[in-house]
Amino acid sequence: MSPPSPRLDRLDALPLALARTDVRDVRSLFPEPALISLKGRRPDPLFVSILLHGNETVGFEVLKRLHAWMGRHLLPRSLLIFVGNVAAAEAGLRMSPGKPDYNRLWQGGTGPEFELAQSVLAEVRAAKPFAAIDLHNNTGANPLYSLIHNERAADRQLASLFTRTAMLTLTPPGMLSLAVSSLCPSVTAECGHAGVEANETRAFEFVLDVLHLDHWRGAPDRPLDVFETIGRMELDPAATISFAHGEAADIELPAALEKWNFFERPEGSTFARLPNGRSPLKVVTETGANVTDAVFRREGDRLVLTRDLSPAMLTTNEQAIRDDCLGYIMEKRSG
């Protein structure tokens, strides 16, 4: 017999104790994943998802600010809020040990968490959302940016309301914002490091801006730099990693790696060293194709770029690399 699905709680109001609750105590408010439906003047809701990764707390802080704002204002548009991996948030982890990543569930699969995801998607689909925002933090030194999944004018306008930098990507395929992009304009808002008040403020302002938007006008509200993802950089799980020159490791990465994010690196520049002669790094497209040779070539013990390219989401956090990936490789598409 398969284990029961996690319970999906359904609420029509935010808990009164939200303002004084720390994210590590989230299960005192939301014992299980929850879908919260709040009525506003316009019926087609803004769908906002938070805590898909338990240690990415920006969404929870935005929810607190929304609660305070709603004490003084009427909602201009209905809100549908998904509170995701509360068990991981309670533990301060990206995801619970032995459990799937809550932002890799949404393409379908087998298991209780995947069943939960399909239940949420069914209710979001029935609500006919105006737009969708999935709020995340990230570990590397990145600017604030959004992920978009097509080049519709409305999606570009939505992204431009957050920041001028966007990644066009279809990977990883199980992302929530990708799954709902067929229903409405949809972005993942990558809000920098967790716990930074300025990042939380920008995310809150973004949500408010979209709540007040009454139509899509067919063009970005401000200049938008769109980078197209070539592939995701994945490391062999058994590979050893070093960020210090001269240490024995399968791959040696520079300590300043994160400073490369969203900056173009020229053809022929060194990306990494391979002291042991192995090639533990590969670049994979959203369809699973291996495009490593189109991105990197070997020159002695150096791994160099085959053309001018821009990395993103690079991190020196080894646990984040092993839980997810080293980062992404992109080309600037348009302005």
Protein backbone atom coordinates (compact mmCIF):
# COMPACT_ATOMS: atom_id res chain seq x y z
CA MET A 1 0.00 0.00 0.00
CA SER A 2 1.37 3.41 -0.95
CA PRO A 3 1.80 6.01 1.81
CA PRO A 4 -0.97 8.60 2.12
CA SER A 5 -0.55 11.93 0.38
CA PRO A 6 0.43 14.90 2.55
CA ARG A 7 -2.73 16.69 3.60
CA LEU A 8 -3.53 19.86 1.68
CA ASP A 9 -5.21 22.28 4.06
CA ARG A 10 -7.55 24.87 2.56
CA LEU A 11 -8.01 28.25 4.25
CA ASP A 12 -9.92 31.43 3.45
CA ALA A 13 -8.00 33.78 5.75
CA LEU A 14 -4.47 34.33 7.00
CA PRO A 15 -3.78 33.27 10.60
CA LEU A 16 -3.92 36.14 13.10
CA ALA A 17 -0.64 35.03 14.67
CA LEU A 18 1.27 35.31 11.38
CA ALA A 19 2.92 38.64 12.24
CA ARG A 20 4.63 37.28 15.34
CA THR A 21 5.57 33.85 13.98
CA ASP A 22 9.09 32.96 12.87
CA VAL A 23 9.42 30.85 9.75
CA ARG A 24 10.93 28.00 11.81
CA ASP A 25 7.60 27.88 13.68
CA VAL A 26 5.57 27.83 10.47
CA ARG A 27 3.86 24.56 11.39
CA SER A 28 2.18 26.26 14.34
CA LEU A 29 0.21 28.12 11.64
CA PHE A 30 0.31 25.68 8.75
CA PRO A 31 0.78 22.12 10.02
CA GLU A 32 0.59 20.83 6.44
CA PRO A 33 0.95 22.40 2.99
CA ALA A 34 -1.87 24.88 2.57
CA LEU A 35 -3.82 26.60 -0.19
CA ILE A 36 -5.19 29.95 0.98
CA SER A 37 -7.93 31.71 -0.99
CA LEU A 38 -8.44 35.42 -0.26
CA LYS A 39 -11.18 37.37 -2.02
CA GLY A 40 -10.44 40.69 -3.71
CA ARG A 41 -12.23 43.15 -5.96
CA ARG A 42 -11.17 41.38 -9.16
CA PRO A 43 -12.09 37.70 -9.09
CA ASP A 44 -9.28 36.20 -11.20
CA PRO A 45 -6.57 35.68 -8.59
CA LEU A 46 -2.88 36.27 -8.43
CA PHE A 47 -1.38 32.88 -7.57
CA VAL A 48 1.63 33.16 -5.24
CA SER A 49 3.67 30.19 -4.03
CA ILE A 50 6.06 30.27 -1.09
CA LEU A 51 8.38 27.90 0.79
CA LEU A 52 8.73 25.36 -2.01
CA HIS A 53 12.25 25.29 -0.61
CA GLY A 54 12.15 25.41 3.17
CA ASN A 55 15.27 27.53 3.64
CA GLU A 56 14.18 30.17 1.11
CA THR A 57 12.19 32.38 3.43
CA VAL A 58 11.40 35.45 1.31
CA GLY A 59 7.87 34.26 0.54
CA PHE A 60 6.99 33.82 4.20
CA GLU A 61 8.21 37.34 4.96
CA VAL A 62 6.19 38.69 2.03
CA LEU A 63 3.13 36.90 3.41
CA LYS A 64 3.64 38.69 6.75
CA ARG A 65 3.86 42.06 5.00
CA LEU A 66 0.76 41.30 2.96
CA HIS A 67 -1.12 40.43 6.14
CA ALA A 68 -0.19 43.80 7.68
CA TRP A 69 -1.03 45.66 4.45
CA MET A 70 -4.43 43.97 4.23
CA GLY A 71 -5.24 45.33 7.69
CA ARG A 72 -5.34 48.81 6.12
CA HIS A 73 -6.37 48.13 2.52
CA LEU A 74 -8.86 46.12 0.51
CA LEU A 75 -7.33 43.56 -1.81
CA PRO A 76 -7.57 44.91 -5.37
CA ARG A 77 -7.46 41.36 -6.73
CA SER A 78 -8.12 37.94 -5.25
CA LEU A 79 -5.11 35.99 -3.99
CA LEU A 80 -4.47 32.26 -4.11
CA ILE A 81 -1.45 31.34 -1.99
CA PHE A 82 0.29 27.97 -1.81
CA VAL A 83 2.40 27.39 1.30
CA GLY A 84 4.64 24.50 0.32
CA ASN A 85 7.25 22.48 2.17
CA VAL A 86 6.45 23.43 5.76
CA ALA A 87 8.29 20.38 7.15
CA ALA A 88 11.53 21.49 5.49
CA ALA A 89 10.95 25.10 6.58
CA GLU A 90 10.55 23.97 10.18
CA ALA A 91 13.95 22.30 9.94
CA GLY A 92 15.56 25.17 8.00
CA LEU A 93 16.32 22.90 5.05
CA ARG A 94 15.82 23.18 1.30
CA MET A 95 13.95 19.86 1.37
CA SER A 96 13.32 17.12 3.89
CA PRO A 97 15.82 14.22 3.85
CA GLY A 98 14.63 11.40 1.65
CA LYS A 99 11.78 13.48 0.24
CA PRO A 100 11.49 15.09 -3.20
CA ASP A 101 12.22 18.72 -3.98
CA TYR A 102 8.92 20.65 -3.88
CA ASN A 103 9.95 22.61 -6.97
CA ARG A 104 10.50 19.48 -9.04
CA LEU A 105 7.03 17.94 -8.56
CA TRP A 106 4.92 19.72 -11.09
CA GLN A 107 5.46 17.77 -14.29
CA GLY A 108 4.01 14.64 -12.77
CA GLY A 109 5.42 11.57 -11.08
CA THR A 110 4.69 8.84 -8.57
CA GLY A 111 4.39 9.33 -4.83
CA PRO A 112 2.41 11.31 -2.26
CA GLU A 113 4.11 14.65 -2.92
CA PHE A 114 3.39 14.36 -6.64
CA GLU A 115 -0.27 13.64 -5.85
CA LEU A 116 -0.33 16.77 -3.69
CA ALA A 117 1.09 18.80 -6.56
CA GLN A 118 -1.59 17.57 -8.95
CA SER A 119 -4.29 18.54 -6.43
CA VAL A 120 -2.85 22.05 -6.19
CA LEU A 121 -2.59 22.38 -9.97
CA ALA A 122 -6.20 21.31 -10.40
CA GLU A 123 -7.39 24.04 -8.02
CA VAL A 124 -5.16 26.68 -9.61
CA ARG A 125 -6.47 25.73 -13.05
CA ALA A 126 -10.07 25.99 -11.84
CA ALA A 127 -9.38 29.46 -10.37
CA LYS A 128 -8.29 30.83 -13.80
CA PRO A 129 -5.44 32.93 -12.42
CA PHE A 130 -4.46 36.34 -13.74
CA ALA A 131 -0.76 35.71 -13.08
CA ALA A 132 1.54 33.45 -11.04
CA ILE A 133 4.60 34.31 -8.95
CA ASP A 134 6.79 31.70 -7.27
CA LEU A 135 9.01 33.38 -4.66
CA HIS A 136 12.51 32.02 -4.06
CA ASN A 137 15.89 32.93 -2.61
CA ASN A 138 19.19 31.67 -3.98
CA THR A 139 22.59 30.92 -2.52
CA GLY A 140 24.99 32.55 -4.98
CA ALA A 141 25.84 36.21 -5.51
CA ASN A 142 23.19 36.93 -8.12
CA PRO A 143 21.26 40.09 -8.91
CA LEU A 144 17.52 39.90 -8.43
CA TYR A 145 16.12 38.23 -11.54
CA SER A 146 13.16 36.25 -12.77
CA LEU A 147 12.68 33.03 -14.69
CA ILE A 148 10.25 33.12 -17.59
CA HIS A 149 9.24 30.18 -19.75
CA ASN A 150 8.18 31.75 -23.04
CA GLU A 151 8.40 35.11 -24.75
CA ARG A 152 4.78 36.18 -24.56
CA ALA A 153 4.44 39.92 -24.11
CA ALA A 154 2.48 39.47 -20.88
CA ASP A 155 5.19 37.28 -19.35
CA ARG A 156 7.82 39.85 -20.28
CA GLN A 157 5.71 42.60 -18.74
CA LEU A 158 5.28 40.56 -15.56
CA ALA A 159 9.03 39.94 -15.31
CA SER A 160 9.81 43.61 -15.90
CA LEU A 161 7.70 44.58 -12.89
CA PHE A 162 10.22 42.76 -10.69
CA THR A 163 13.61 43.56 -12.23
CA ARG A 164 15.20 44.20 -15.59
CA THR A 165 16.93 40.79 -15.73
CA ALA A 166 15.17 37.59 -16.81
CA MET A 167 16.20 34.07 -17.77
CA LEU A 168 14.23 32.28 -20.47
CA THR A 169 14.30 28.62 -19.46
CA LEU A 170 12.41 25.35 -19.65
CA THR A 171 14.58 23.62 -17.10
CA PRO A 172 14.31 21.99 -14.67
CA PRO A 173 11.07 20.60 -16.12
CA GLY A 174 9.29 20.04 -12.78
CA MET A 175 9.21 23.71 -11.75
CA LEU A 176 5.90 25.13 -10.53
CA SER A 177 6.14 28.37 -12.53
CA LEU A 178 6.75 26.34 -15.68
CA ALA A 179 3.75 24.11 -14.98
CA VAL A 180 1.37 27.06 -14.56
CA SER A 181 2.79 29.06 -17.48
CA SER A 182 0.21 27.39 -19.74
CA LEU A 183 -2.54 28.93 -17.58
CA CYS A 184 -1.35 32.53 -17.19
CA PRO A 185 1.72 34.78 -17.27
CA SER A 186 4.11 33.16 -14.82
CA VAL A 187 7.53 33.84 -13.27
CA THR A 188 9.84 32.52 -10.64
CA ALA A 189 11.13 35.57 -8.75
CA GLU A 190 14.69 34.90 -7.55
CA CYS A 191 15.07 37.29 -4.64
CA GLY A 192 18.74 37.00 -3.72
CA HIS A 193 19.92 35.78 -0.33
CA ALA A 194 17.40 34.87 2.36
CA GLY A 195 17.04 37.17 5.36
CA VAL A 196 17.97 40.38 3.49
CA GLU A 197 15.35 43.04 4.20
CA ALA A 198 15.88 44.87 0.89
CA ASN A 199 15.20 41.66 -1.03
CA GLU A 200 12.02 41.04 0.97
CA THR A 201 10.88 44.61 0.34
CA ARG A 202 11.39 44.29 -3.41
CA ALA A 203 9.48 40.98 -3.49
CA PHE A 204 6.60 42.49 -1.52
CA GLU A 205 6.45 45.52 -3.82
CA PHE A 206 6.41 43.20 -6.84
CA VAL A 207 3.44 41.26 -5.48
CA LEU A 208 1.61 44.52 -4.71
CA ASP A 209 2.28 45.86 -8.21
CA VAL A 210 0.76 42.77 -9.80
CA LEU A 211 -2.22 42.83 -7.43
CA HIS A 212 -2.98 46.36 -8.66
CA LEU A 213 -2.51 45.55 -12.35
CA ASP A 214 -5.81 45.38 -14.21
CA HIS A 215 -4.69 44.23 -17.68
CA TRP A 216 -1.70 43.20 -19.77
CA ARG A 217 -0.67 45.99 -22.11
CA GLY A 218 1.53 43.87 -24.38
CA ALA A 219 5.00 45.22 -23.59
CA PRO A 220 7.45 45.32 -20.67
CA ASP A 221 6.93 48.20 -18.24
CA ARG A 222 10.68 48.90 -18.25
CA PRO A 223 13.71 47.66 -20.25
CA LEU A 224 14.17 43.91 -19.91
CA ASP A 225 17.37 41.96 -20.54
CA VAL A 226 16.47 38.39 -21.44
CA PHE A 227 19.05 35.61 -21.26
CA GLU A 228 18.30 32.31 -22.94
CA THR A 229 19.41 29.21 -21.07
CA ILE A 230 21.68 26.88 -23.04
CA GLY A 231 21.90 24.29 -20.31
CA ARG A 232 22.26 23.35 -16.71
CA MET A 233 25.71 22.52 -15.34
CA GLU A 234 25.64 19.27 -13.40
CA LEU A 235 28.48 17.64 -11.48
CA ASP A 236 29.04 13.92 -11.08
CA PRO A 237 27.76 13.22 -7.53
CA ALA A 238 31.00 11.39 -6.72
CA ALA A 239 33.25 14.25 -7.85
CA THR A 240 35.40 16.09 -5.35
CA ILE A 241 35.30 19.90 -5.47
CA SER A 242 37.87 22.51 -4.48
CA PHE A 243 37.69 26.30 -4.39
CA ALA A 244 41.41 26.69 -3.54
CA HIS A 245 44.21 26.58 -6.10
CA GLY A 246 46.45 23.56 -5.94
CA GLU A 247 44.24 21.29 -3.86
CA ALA A 248 43.73 17.75 -5.13
CA ALA A 249 40.17 17.50 -6.46
CA ASP A 250 38.28 16.35 -9.52
CA ILE A 251 37.29 19.93 -10.29
CA GLU A 252 38.88 23.16 -9.07
CA LEU A 253 36.62 26.22 -9.23
CA PRO A 254 37.69 29.80 -8.44
CA ALA A 255 36.81 31.19 -5.01
CA ALA A 256 35.35 34.24 -6.79
CA LEU A 257 33.08 32.08 -8.95
CA GLU A 258 29.87 33.81 -7.86
CA LYS A 259 31.09 37.16 -9.21
CA TRP A 260 30.67 35.77 -12.74
CA ASN A 261 26.87 35.53 -12.45
CA PHE A 262 25.10 37.42 -15.26
CA PHE A 263 28.39 38.77 -16.63
CA GLU A 264 29.58 37.66 -20.05
CA ARG A 265 32.71 35.53 -20.04
CA PRO A 266 34.79 35.58 -23.25
CA GLU A 267 35.58 32.65 -25.51
CA GLY A 268 38.74 30.86 -24.39
CA SER A 269 38.49 32.00 -20.76
CA THR A 270 39.13 29.38 -18.10
CA PHE A 271 36.04 28.20 -16.27
CA ALA A 272 37.61 25.44 -14.13
CA ARG A 273 40.65 23.22 -13.72
CA LEU A 274 40.54 19.43 -13.78
CA PRO A 275 43.59 18.40 -11.71
CA ASN A 276 42.82 14.67 -11.75
CA GLY A 277 42.22 14.46 -15.49
CA ARG A 278 38.55 13.56 -15.09
CA SER A 279 35.69 15.53 -16.66
CA PRO A 280 33.00 15.48 -13.96
CA LEU A 281 31.05 18.48 -15.32
CA LYS A 282 28.37 18.23 -18.00
CA VAL A 283 25.90 20.69 -19.50
CA VAL A 284 22.40 19.34 -20.09
CA THR A 285 19.50 20.98 -21.94
CA GLU A 286 15.87 20.94 -20.81
CA THR A 287 15.30 17.89 -23.04
CA GLY A 288 18.19 16.01 -21.46
CA ALA A 289 20.59 16.44 -24.36
CA ASN A 290 24.26 16.63 -23.42
CA VAL A 291 25.69 19.84 -24.93
CA THR A 292 28.91 19.97 -22.93
CA ASP A 293 31.14 20.03 -26.04
CA ALA A 294 29.24 23.06 -27.39
CA VAL A 295 30.02 24.99 -24.20
CA PHE A 296 33.42 23.76 -22.96
CA ARG A 297 36.62 22.35 -24.41
CA ARG A 298 39.68 20.89 -22.70
CA GLU A 299 43.03 22.67 -22.95
CA GLY A 300 45.47 20.67 -20.84
CA ASP A 301 44.00 20.62 -17.33
CA ARG A 302 41.81 23.66 -18.04
CA LEU A 303 38.14 23.70 -18.99
CA VAL A 304 37.56 26.74 -21.20
CA LEU A 305 34.54 28.32 -22.89
CA THR A 306 34.00 27.64 -26.58
CA ARG A 307 32.35 31.05 -27.13
CA ASP A 308 31.22 34.18 -25.28
CA LEU A 309 28.68 33.02 -22.66
CA SER A 310 27.09 34.21 -19.41
CA PRO A 311 26.71 31.99 -16.32
CA ALA A 312 23.96 32.32 -13.72
CA MET A 313 23.15 30.86 -10.31
CA LEU A 314 26.79 29.88 -9.75
CA THR A 315 27.40 29.16 -6.09
CA THR A 316 30.32 28.16 -3.90
CA ASN A 317 27.95 26.43 -1.50
CA GLU A 318 28.93 22.80 -2.02
CA GLN A 319 25.74 21.44 -0.47
CA ALA A 320 23.63 23.56 -2.83
CA ILE A 321 25.69 22.32 -5.79
CA ARG A 322 25.10 18.72 -4.78
CA ASP A 323 21.41 19.24 -3.96
CA ASP A 324 20.71 21.05 -7.23
CA CYS A 325 23.42 22.04 -9.71
CA LEU A 326 26.50 24.20 -10.16
CA GLY A 327 24.57 26.77 -12.18
CA TYR A 328 23.36 27.59 -15.68
CA ILE A 329 24.97 28.75 -18.92
CA MET A 330 23.17 31.42 -20.98
CA GLU A 331 23.36 33.71 -23.96
CA LYS A 332 21.84 37.19 -23.98
CA ARG A 333 18.84 37.07 -26.28
CA SER A 334 17.35 40.53 -26.39
CA GLY A 335 16.95 43.81 -24.59
